[in-house]
Protein backbone atom coordinates (compact mmCIF):
# COMPACT_ATOMS: atom_id res chain seq x y z
CA MET A 1 7.35 -7.25 8.09
CA GLY A 2 3.89 -5.75 8.40
CA LYS A 3 0.67 -6.82 6.72
CA LEU A 4 -2.05 -5.15 4.71
CA GLU A 5 -5.36 -7.00 4.79
CA TYR A 6 -7.87 -5.82 2.22
CA ASN A 7 -11.46 -7.04 2.10
CA SER A 8 -10.46 -10.21 3.99
CA SER A 9 -10.89 -12.26 0.80
CA ARG A 10 -7.24 -13.21 0.26
CA PRO A 11 -4.23 -13.75 2.47
CA SER A 12 -2.68 -10.54 3.80
CA ILE A 13 -0.15 -8.69 1.68
CA GLU A 14 3.24 -8.72 3.40
CA VAL A 15 4.90 -5.30 3.27
CA ASP A 16 8.05 -4.00 4.94
CA ASP A 17 7.03 -1.88 7.96
CA GLU A 18 8.83 1.20 6.62
CA VAL A 19 7.03 0.94 3.28
CA LEU A 20 3.76 0.19 5.07
CA ALA A 21 4.07 3.34 7.22
CA HIS A 22 4.36 5.48 4.09
CA LEU A 23 1.69 3.49 2.27
CA LYS A 24 -0.70 4.10 5.18
CA ILE A 25 -0.47 7.86 4.63
CA VAL A 26 -0.91 7.55 0.86
CA ILE A 27 -3.94 5.26 1.17
CA ALA A 28 -5.54 7.41 3.89
CA THR A 29 -5.02 10.57 1.83
CA LYS A 30 -6.65 9.09 -1.28
CA LEU A 31 -9.52 7.30 0.46
CA ARG A 32 -10.32 10.26 2.71
CA ARG A 33 -10.91 12.21 -0.52
CA HIS A 34 -13.06 9.34 -1.82
CA GLU A 35 -10.52 8.72 -4.60
CA SER A 36 -10.35 5.05 -5.55
CA PHE A 37 -7.19 3.64 -7.14
CA MET A 38 -5.36 0.43 -7.99
CA ILE A 39 -2.50 -1.01 -5.95
CA THR A 40 -0.20 -3.71 -7.36
CA TRP A 41 2.27 -5.93 -5.49
CA PRO A 42 4.30 -9.12 -6.03
CA SER A 43 2.31 -12.26 -5.19
CA GLY A 44 5.04 -13.76 -3.05
CA GLU A 45 4.73 -17.09 -4.84
CA SER A 46 7.67 -19.03 -6.23
CA ARG A 47 7.03 -17.97 -9.80
CA PRO A 48 6.91 -14.26 -10.59
CA ARG A 49 3.36 -12.96 -10.42
CA ARG A 50 1.71 -9.70 -9.58
CA LEU A 51 -1.64 -9.03 -7.93
CA THR A 52 -3.72 -5.86 -8.28
CA ALA A 53 -6.55 -4.65 -6.05
CA TRP A 54 -8.97 -1.78 -6.53
CA MET A 55 -8.79 0.37 -3.39
CA HIS A 56 -12.16 1.91 -2.48
CA PRO A 57 -13.30 3.75 0.67
CA ALA A 58 -16.15 1.28 1.28
CA ILE A 59 -13.93 -1.82 1.41
CA PRO A 60 -12.44 -2.80 4.81
CA LEU A 61 -8.70 -2.30 5.19
CA VAL A 62 -6.44 -3.33 8.11
CA LEU A 63 -2.75 -2.45 8.43
CA GLU A 64 -0.68 -4.45 10.91
CA PHE A 65 2.82 -3.34 11.90
CA ASP A 66 5.42 -5.63 13.46
CA THR A 67 7.74 -2.93 14.81
CA GLU A 68 7.39 -0.52 17.69
CA PRO A 69 7.85 2.44 17.62
CA PRO A 70 6.53 3.13 14.12
CA PRO A 71 9.08 3.83 11.40
CA LYS A 72 10.04 7.46 10.83
CA ILE A 73 8.09 9.05 7.98
CA GLN A 74 9.98 10.69 5.14
CA PRO A 75 7.65 13.35 3.69
CA ALA A 76 9.50 13.37 0.35
CA ARG A 77 8.87 9.63 -0.02
CA VAL A 78 5.14 10.07 0.64
CA GLU A 79 4.98 12.94 -1.86
CA GLU A 80 6.73 10.83 -4.51
CA MET A 81 4.38 7.89 -3.95
CA ILE A 82 1.36 10.19 -4.28
CA ARG A 83 2.86 11.85 -7.36
CA GLN A 84 3.38 8.49 -9.07
CA LEU A 85 -0.09 7.33 -8.07
CA ASN A 86 -1.75 10.48 -9.36
CA GLN A 87 0.24 10.30 -12.57
CA ARG A 88 -0.88 6.80 -13.55
CA GLY A 89 -3.79 5.91 -11.25
CA GLU A 90 -1.94 2.92 -9.82
CA LEU A 91 0.48 2.43 -6.95
CA ILE A 92 3.07 -0.27 -7.60
CA LEU A 93 4.71 -1.57 -4.41
CA ASP A 94 7.68 -3.42 -5.87
CA GLU A 95 9.10 -0.64 -8.03
CA PRO A 96 12.52 0.72 -7.14
CA GLU A 97 12.41 4.13 -5.53
């Protein structure tokens, strides 16, 4: 289970390493173009809750992977994540694929 730490103001977001590897490409693609967007994930607390962050190129971001070597990237999965993000302006991490 990898971690995404954004702006260091909250605890890290725990994300499966395979998802995180694909997410890394999506985030890098959008931020490299200076395209901000929202990302939503489950809070991980006992009661169902969701958290949303505004991703912006100026805000520090750290991705930490637990596995070595890195998971294999599936280009179709990255393309679908970017398509969904572009369609609604938000990337939702807990949606079924």
